[in-house]
PDB file of N, CA and C in Angstrom:
ATOM      1  N   PRO A   1      79.919 -36.369 -14.698  1.00  0.00           N
ATOM      2  CA  PRO A   1      79.872 -36.330 -13.776  1.00  0.00           C
ATOM      3  C   PRO A   1      79.398 -34.473 -12.865  1.00  0.00           C
ATOM      4  N   GLY A   2      79.356 -34.243 -13.586  1.00  0.00           N
ATOM      5  CA  GLY A   2      78.782 -32.536 -12.930  1.00  0.00           C
ATOM      6  C   GLY A   2      77.330 -32.432 -13.396  1.00  0.00           C
ATOM      7  N   LEU A   3      76.874 -33.774 -13.613  1.00  0.00           N
ATOM      8  CA  LEU A   3      75.794 -33.290 -14.042  1.00  0.00           C
ATOM      9  C   LEU A   3      74.861 -33.579 -12.785  1.00  0.00           C
ATOM     10  N   HIS A   4      74.761 -33.378 -11.768  1.00  0.00           N
ATOM     11  CA  HIS A   4      73.801 -33.558 -10.544  1.00  0.00           C
ATOM     12  C   HIS A   4      73.784 -31.784 -10.009  1.00  0.00           C
ATOM     13  N   TYR A   5      74.833 -31.382 -10.762  1.00  0.00           N
ATOM     14  CA  TYR A   5      75.299 -30.089 -10.717  1.00  0.00           C
ATOM     15  C   TYR A   5      73.333 -29.247 -10.914  1.00  0.00           C
ATOM     16  N   ALA A   6      73.312 -29.905 -12.803  1.00  0.00           N
ATOM     17  CA  ALA A   6      72.354 -29.244 -13.168  1.00  0.00           C
ATOM     18  C   ALA A   6      70.806 -29.212 -12.553  1.00  0.00           C
ATOM     19  N   PHE A   7      70.667 -30.397 -11.960  1.00  0.00           N
ATOM     20  CA  PHE A   7      69.798 -30.691 -11.276  1.00  0.00           C
ATOM     21  C   PHE A   7      69.324 -29.934  -9.883  1.00  0.00           C
ATOM     22  N   LYS A   8      70.060 -29.678  -9.190  1.00  0.00           N
ATOM     23  CA  LYS A   8      70.129 -29.046  -7.558  1.00  0.00           C
ATOM     24  C   LYS A   8      69.375 -27.696  -8.016  1.00  0.00           C
ATOM     25  N   PRO A   9      68.788 -26.941  -8.867  1.00  0.00           N
ATOM     26  CA  PRO A   9      68.848 -26.413  -8.573  1.00  0.00           C
ATOM     27  C   PRO A   9      66.464 -26.342  -8.952  1.00  0.00           C
ATOM     28  N   ILE A  10      66.321 -27.485  -9.372  1.00  0.00           N
ATOM     29  CA  ILE A  10      65.490 -28.292  -9.547  1.00  0.00           C
ATOM     30  C   ILE A  10      64.278 -29.031  -8.123  1.00  0.00           C
ATOM     31  N   LEU A  11      65.733 -29.206  -7.385  1.00  0.00           N
ATOM     32  CA  LEU A  11      65.124 -30.149  -6.338  1.00  0.00           C
ATOM     33  C   LEU A  11      64.834 -29.548  -5.031  1.00  0.00           C
ATOM     34  N   ALA A  12      65.650 -28.223  -5.121  1.00  0.00           N
ATOM     35  CA  ALA A  12      66.024 -27.112  -4.364  1.00  0.00           C
ATOM     36  C   ALA A  12      64.980 -26.290  -4.032  1.00  0.00           C
ATOM     37  N   THR A  13      64.005 -25.959  -5.668  1.00  0.00           N
ATOM     38  CA  THR A  13      62.600 -25.644  -5.227  1.00  0.00           C
ATOM     39  C   THR A  13      61.472 -26.311  -5.068  1.00  0.00           C
ATOM     40  N   LEU A  14      61.663 -28.056  -5.386  1.00  0.00           N
ATOM     41  CA  LEU A  14      60.643 -28.641  -5.099  1.00  0.00           C
ATOM     42  C   LEU A  14      60.328 -29.358  -3.333  1.00  0.00           C
ATOM     43  N   PHE A  15      61.552 -28.796  -2.729  1.00  0.00           N
ATOM     44  CA  PHE A  15      62.215 -28.868  -1.440  1.00  0.00           C
ATOM     45  C   PHE A  15      62.017 -27.513  -0.450  1.00  0.00           C
ATOM     46  N   LEU A  16      60.887 -26.519  -1.034  1.00  0.00           N
ATOM     47  CA  LEU A  16      61.465 -24.998  -0.351  1.00  0.00           C
ATOM     48  C   LEU A  16      60.461 -25.428   0.808  1.00  0.00           C
ATOM     49  N   CYS A  17      60.955 -24.704   1.656  1.00  0.00           N
ATOM     50  CA  CYS A  17      60.876 -24.581   2.921  1.00  0.00           C
ATOM     51  C   CYS A  17      59.261 -23.124   2.759  1.00  0.00           C
ATOM     52  N   ALA A  18      58.555 -23.334   3.554  1.00  0.00           N
ATOM     53  CA  ALA A  18      57.063 -21.726   3.413  1.00  0.00           C
ATOM     54  C   ALA A  18      58.474 -20.397   3.373  1.00  0.00           C
ATOM     55  N   GLY A  19      59.575 -20.323   4.478  1.00  0.00           N
ATOM     56  CA  GLY A  19      59.824 -19.258   4.127  1.00  0.00           C
ATOM     57  C   GLY A  19      61.306 -18.860   2.920  1.00  0.00           C
ATOM     58  N   PHE A  20      60.787 -19.840   1.979  1.00  0.00           N
ATOM     59  CA  PHE A  20      61.637 -18.848   0.824  1.00  0.00           C
ATOM     60  C   PHE A  20      60.812 -19.283  -0.179  1.00  0.00           C
ATOM     61  N   THR A  21      60.006 -18.967  -0.065  1.00  0.00           N
ATOM     62  CA  THR A  21      59.359 -18.997  -1.675  1.00  0.00           C
ATOM     63  C   THR A  21      59.610 -17.606  -2.199  1.00  0.00           C
ATOM     64  N   GLN A  22      59.605 -16.331  -1.983  1.00  0.00           N
ATOM     65  CA  GLN A  22      60.287 -15.107  -2.457  1.00  0.00           C
ATOM     66  C   GLN A  22      60.763 -15.679  -3.340  1.00  0.00           C
ATOM     67  N   PHE A  23      60.965 -13.991  -4.259  1.00  0.00           N
ATOM     68  CA  PHE A  23      61.384 -14.262  -5.718  1.00  0.00           C
ATOM     69  C   PHE A  23      62.633 -13.522  -5.675  1.00  0.00           C
ATOM     70  N   ILE A  24      63.374 -14.419  -5.279  1.00  0.00           N
ATOM     71  CA  ILE A  24      64.805 -13.639  -5.477  1.00  0.00           C
ATOM     72  C   ILE A  24      65.747 -13.848  -6.640  1.00  0.00           C
ATOM     73  N   ASN A  25      66.314 -12.383  -7.186  1.00  0.00           N
ATOM     74  CA  ASN A  25      66.669 -12.489  -8.400  1.00  0.00           C
ATOM     75  C   ASN A  25      67.713 -11.429  -8.273  1.00  0.00           C
ATOM     76  N   ASN A  26      68.271 -11.014  -7.179  1.00  0.00           N
ATOM     77  CA  ASN A  26      69.657  -9.718  -7.225  1.00  0.00           C
ATOM     78  C   ASN A  26      70.061 -10.008  -6.186  1.00  0.00           C
ATOM     79  N   PRO A  27      71.381  -9.623  -5.920  1.00  0.00           N
ATOM     80  CA  PRO A  27      71.920  -9.171  -4.498  1.00  0.00           C
ATOM     81  C   PRO A  27      71.610  -8.770  -3.435  1.00  0.00           C
ATOM     82  N   ILE A  28      70.417  -7.983  -3.503  1.00  0.00           N
ATOM     83  CA  ILE A  28      69.349  -7.587  -2.338  1.00  0.00           C
ATOM     84  C   ILE A  28      69.134  -7.881  -2.301  1.00  0.00           C
ATOM     85  N   SER A  29      68.193  -8.776  -2.855  1.00  0.00           N
ATOM     86  CA  SER A  29      66.697 -10.009  -2.187  1.00  0.00           C
ATOM     87  C   SER A  29      67.139 -11.000  -1.817  1.00  0.00           C
ATOM     88  N   CYS A  30      68.995 -11.261  -2.315  1.00  0.00           N
ATOM     89  CA  CYS A  30      69.479 -12.363  -1.654  1.00  0.00           C
ATOM     90  C   CYS A  30      69.801 -12.434  -0.286  1.00  0.00           C
ATOM     91  N   SER A  31      70.839 -10.804  -0.117  1.00  0.00           N
ATOM     92  CA  SER A  31      71.216 -10.579   1.487  1.00  0.00           C
ATOM     93  C   SER A  31      70.458 -10.520   2.396  1.00  0.00           C
ATOM     94  N   HIS A  32      69.218  -9.613   1.810  1.00  0.00           N
ATOM     95  CA  HIS A  32      67.455  -9.398   3.130  1.00  0.00           C
ATOM     96  C   HIS A  32      67.351 -10.272   3.270  1.00  0.00           C
ATOM     97  N   ALA A  33      67.509 -12.361   1.917  1.00  0.00           N
ATOM     98  CA  ALA A  33      66.736 -13.425   2.590  1.00  0.00           C
ATOM     99  C   ALA A  33      68.098 -13.539   3.190  1.00  0.00           C
ATOM    100  N   GLY A  34      68.961 -13.490   3.734  1.00  0.00           N
ATOM    101  CA  GLY A  34      70.175 -14.297   4.813  1.00  0.00           C
ATOM    102  C   GLY A  34      71.556 -15.101   3.629  1.00  0.00           C
ATOM    103  N   GLY A  35      71.181 -15.016   2.692  1.00  0.00           N
ATOM    104  CA  GLY A  35      71.983 -15.799   1.817  1.00  0.00           C
ATOM    105  C   GLY A  35      73.420 -14.376   1.397  1.00  0.00           C
ATOM    106  N   PHE A  36      73.945 -15.221   0.435  1.00  0.00           N
ATOM    107  CA  PHE A  36      75.480 -14.991  -0.551  1.00  0.00           C
ATOM    108  C   PHE A  36      75.230 -15.198  -1.651  1.00  0.00           C
ATOM    109  N   CYS A  37      75.794 -13.904  -2.506  1.00  0.00           N
ATOM    110  CA  CYS A  37      75.935 -14.865  -3.671  1.00  0.00           C
ATOM    111  C   CYS A  37      77.250 -15.487  -4.025  1.00  0.00           C
ATOM    112  N   HIS A  38      77.388 -16.170  -4.677  1.00  0.00           N
ATOM    113  CA  HIS A  38      78.764 -17.317  -5.101  1.00  0.00           C
ATOM    114  C   HIS A  38      78.534 -17.711  -5.873  1.00  0.00           C
ATOM    115  N   HIS A  39      80.044 -18.533  -7.239  1.00  0.00           N
ATOM    116  CA  HIS A  39      80.224 -18.935  -8.522  1.00  0.00           C
ATOM    117  C   HIS A  39      79.137 -20.125  -7.702  1.00  0.00           C
ATOM    118  N   THR A  40      79.139 -21.142  -6.538  1.00  0.00           N
ATOM    119  CA  THR A  40      78.831 -22.485  -6.617  1.00  0.00           C
ATOM    120  C   THR A  40      77.844 -22.623  -4.833  1.00  0.00           C
ATOM    121  N   CYS A  41      77.442 -23.175  -4.371  1.00  0.00           N
ATOM    122  CA  CYS A  41      76.663 -22.964  -3.435  1.00  0.00           C
ATOM    123  C   CYS A  41      77.506 -24.175  -2.346  1.00  0.00           C
ATOM    124  N   TYR A  42      77.999 -24.456  -1.535  1.00  0.00           N
ATOM    125  CA  TYR A  42      78.725 -25.213  -0.082  1.00  0.00           C
ATOM    126  C   TYR A  42      77.800 -25.842  -0.203  1.00  0.00           C
ATOM    127  N   PRO A  43      78.267 -27.410   0.540  1.00  0.00           N
ATOM    128  CA  PRO A  43      77.340 -28.300   0.696  1.00  0.00           C
ATOM    129  C   PRO A  43      76.234 -28.571   0.811  1.00  0.00           C
ATOM    130  N   THR A  44      77.044 -28.275   2.269  1.00  0.00           N
ATOM    131  CA  THR A  44      75.926 -27.345   3.481  1.00  0.00           C
ATOM    132  C   THR A  44      75.059 -26.526   2.843  1.00  0.00           C
ATOM    133  N   TYR A  45      75.010 -25.979   2.010  1.00  0.00           N
ATOM    134  CA  TYR A  45      74.000 -24.377   1.864  1.00  0.00           C
ATOM    135  C   TYR A  45      72.887 -24.997   0.741  1.00  0.00           C
ATOM    136  N   GLY A  46      72.268 -23.791   0.625  1.00  0.00           N
ATOM    137  CA  GLY A  46      71.056 -24.580  -0.508  1.00  0.00           C
ATOM    138  C   GLY A  46      71.191 -23.149  -1.706  1.00  0.00           C
ATOM    139  N   TYR A  47      70.789 -23.634  -3.251  1.00  0.00           N
ATOM    140  CA  TYR A  47      69.939 -23.122  -3.720  1.00  0.00           C
ATOM    141  C   TYR A  47      68.725 -22.421  -3.283  1.00  0.00           C
ATOM    142  N   ILE A  48      69.006 -20.607  -3.058  1.00  0.00           N
ATOM    143  CA  ILE A  48      67.288 -19.988  -2.716  1.00  0.00           C
ATOM    144  C   ILE A  48      67.350 -19.420  -3.989  1.00  0.00           C
ATOM    145  N   GLY A  49      68.277 -19.093  -4.842  1.00  0.00           N
ATOM    146  CA  GLY A  49      67.857 -17.942  -6.378  1.00  0.00           C
ATOM    147  C   GLY A  49      68.729 -17.287  -6.693  1.00  0.00           C
ATOM    148  N   THR A  50      68.916 -16.695  -7.089  1.00  0.00           N
ATOM    149  CA  THR A  50      69.958 -16.275  -8.303  1.00  0.00           C
ATOM    150  C   THR A  50      70.369 -14.163  -7.833  1.00  0.00           C
ATOM    151  N   CYS A  51      71.395 -14.099  -8.024  1.00  0.00           N
ATOM    152  CA  CYS A  51      72.660 -12.886  -8.340  1.00  0.00           C
ATOM    153  C   CYS A  51      73.239 -12.610  -8.965  1.00  0.00           C
ATOM    154  N   ASP A  52      73.782 -12.381  -9.501  1.00  0.00           N
ATOM    155  CA  ASP A  52      75.353 -12.255 -10.182  1.00  0.00           C
ATOM    156  C   ASP A  52      75.463 -13.700 -10.569  1.00  0.00           C
ATOM    157  N   PHE A  53      75.568 -14.670  -9.842  1.00  0.00           N
ATOM    158  CA  PHE A  53      75.948 -16.098  -9.662  1.00  0.00           C
ATOM    159  C   PHE A  53      74.925 -16.966  -9.222  1.00  0.00           C
ATOM    160  N   LEU A  54      75.246 -17.770  -7.941  1.00  0.00           N
ATOM    161  CA  LEU A  54      74.264 -18.178  -7.369  1.00  0.00           C
ATOM    162  C   LEU A  54      73.464 -17.888  -6.257  1.00  0.00           C
ATOM    163  N   CYS A  55      72.335 -17.465  -5.122  1.00  0.00           N
ATOM    164  CA  CYS A  55      72.182 -17.094  -4.134  1.00  0.00           C
ATOM    165  C   CYS A  55      72.096 -18.451  -3.118  1.00  0.00           C
ATOM    166  N   CYS A  56      72.736 -18.765  -1.888  1.00  0.00           N
ATOM    167  CA  CYS A  56      73.058 -19.518  -1.512  1.00  0.00           C
ATOM    168  C   CYS A  56      73.094 -18.923   0.127  1.00  0.00           C
ATOM    169  N   LYS A  57      71.946 -20.466   1.154  1.00  0.00           N
ATOM    170  CA  LYS A  57      72.042 -19.986   1.959  1.00  0.00           C
ATOM    171  C   LYS A  57      72.333 -21.346   3.024  1.00  0.00           C
ATOM    172  N   GLN A  58      72.782 -21.376   3.499  1.00  0.00           N
ATOM    173  CA  GLN A  58      72.835 -22.543   4.708  1.00  0.00           C
ATOM    174  C   GLN A  58      71.476 -22.944   4.800  1.00  0.00           C
ATOM    175  N   GLU A  59      71.240 -24.595   4.614  1.00  0.00           N
ATOM    176  CA  GLU A  59      70.199 -25.580   4.893  1.00  0.00           C
ATOM    177  C   GLU A  59      69.014 -25.146   6.078  1.00  0.00           C
ATOM    178  N   GLU A  60      68.573 -25.475   6.270  1.00  0.00           N
ATOM    179  CA  GLU A  60      67.390 -25.363   7.127  1.00  0.00           C
ATOM    180  C   GLU A  60      66.345 -26.479   7.697  1.00  0.00           C
ATOM    181  N   LEU A  61      65.833 -26.882   8.995  1.00  0.00           N
ATOM    182  CA  LEU A  61      65.236 -28.167   8.776  1.00  0.00           C
ATOM    183  C   LEU A  61      63.787 -27.461   8.355  1.00  0.00           C
ATOM    184  N   CYS A  62      62.926 -28.348   7.441  1.00  0.00           N
ATOM    185  CA  CYS A  62      61.184 -27.234   7.710  1.00  0.00           C
ATOM    186  C   CYS A  62      60.583 -27.293   9.253  1.00  0.00           C
TER     187      CYS A  62
END
Protein backbone atom coordinates (compact mmCIF):
# COMPACT_ATOMS: atom_id res chain seq x y z
CA PRO A 1 0.00 0.00 0.00
CA GLY A 2 2.72 2.53 0.85
CA LEU A 3 5.37 1.13 -1.49
CA HIS A 4 4.69 3.64 -4.29
CA TYR A 5 5.83 6.45 -1.97
CA ALA A 6 9.30 4.88 -1.84
CA PHE A 7 9.65 5.08 -5.64
CA LYS A 8 8.37 8.65 -6.09
CA PRO A 9 11.77 10.32 -5.39
CA ILE A 10 13.44 7.94 -7.84
CA LEU A 11 10.89 8.61 -10.57
CA ALA A 12 11.04 12.34 -9.94
CA THR A 13 14.81 12.22 -10.33
CA LEU A 14 14.56 10.31 -13.61
CA PHE A 15 12.03 12.70 -15.15
CA LEU A 16 13.37 16.07 -14.08
CA CYS A 17 13.11 19.01 -16.44
CA ALA A 18 16.23 21.07 -17.07
CA GLY A 19 15.07 23.72 -14.60
CA PHE A 20 14.93 21.25 -11.74
CA THR A 21 18.51 20.03 -11.82
CA GLN A 22 19.74 22.28 -9.01
CA PHE A 23 20.77 20.76 -5.69
CA ILE A 24 18.03 21.39 -3.12
CA ASN A 25 18.81 20.29 0.43
CA ASN A 26 17.52 23.07 2.72
CA PRO A 27 14.38 25.22 3.14
CA ILE A 28 15.99 28.32 1.59
CA SER A 29 17.01 26.49 -1.60
CA CYS A 30 13.56 24.92 -1.74
CA SER A 31 11.87 28.31 -1.46
CA HIS A 32 14.14 29.89 -4.09
CA ALA A 33 13.24 27.05 -6.48
CA GLY A 34 9.54 27.88 -5.99
CA GLY A 35 8.81 24.91 -3.74
CA PHE A 36 7.69 24.40 -0.17
CA CYS A 37 8.64 22.00 2.62
CA HIS A 38 6.04 19.45 3.67
CA HIS A 39 5.76 15.92 5.09
CA THR A 40 4.35 14.62 1.80
CA CYS A 41 3.89 16.11 -1.66
CA TYR A 42 0.33 16.65 -2.83
CA PRO A 43 -0.78 14.57 -5.87
CA THR A 44 -0.29 17.43 -8.36
CA TYR A 45 3.09 18.39 -6.85
CA GLY A 46 6.42 16.75 -7.51
CA TYR A 47 9.39 16.05 -5.29
CA ILE A 48 12.28 18.38 -6.20
CA GLY A 49 14.59 17.96 -3.19
CA THR A 50 14.74 17.86 0.57
CA CYS A 51 14.53 20.41 3.35
CA ASP A 52 13.35 19.52 6.84
CA PHE A 53 11.01 17.07 5.07
CA LEU A 54 10.33 17.02 1.31
CA CYS A 55 10.60 19.96 -1.04
CA CYS A 56 7.54 19.92 -3.28
CA LYS A 57 6.68 22.04 -6.30
CA GLN A 58 3.69 22.01 -8.61
CA GLU A 59 4.52 19.85 -11.61
CA GLU A 60 5.08 21.58 -14.92
CA LEU A 61 5.22 20.18 -18.43
CA CYS A 62 8.72 19.95 -19.86
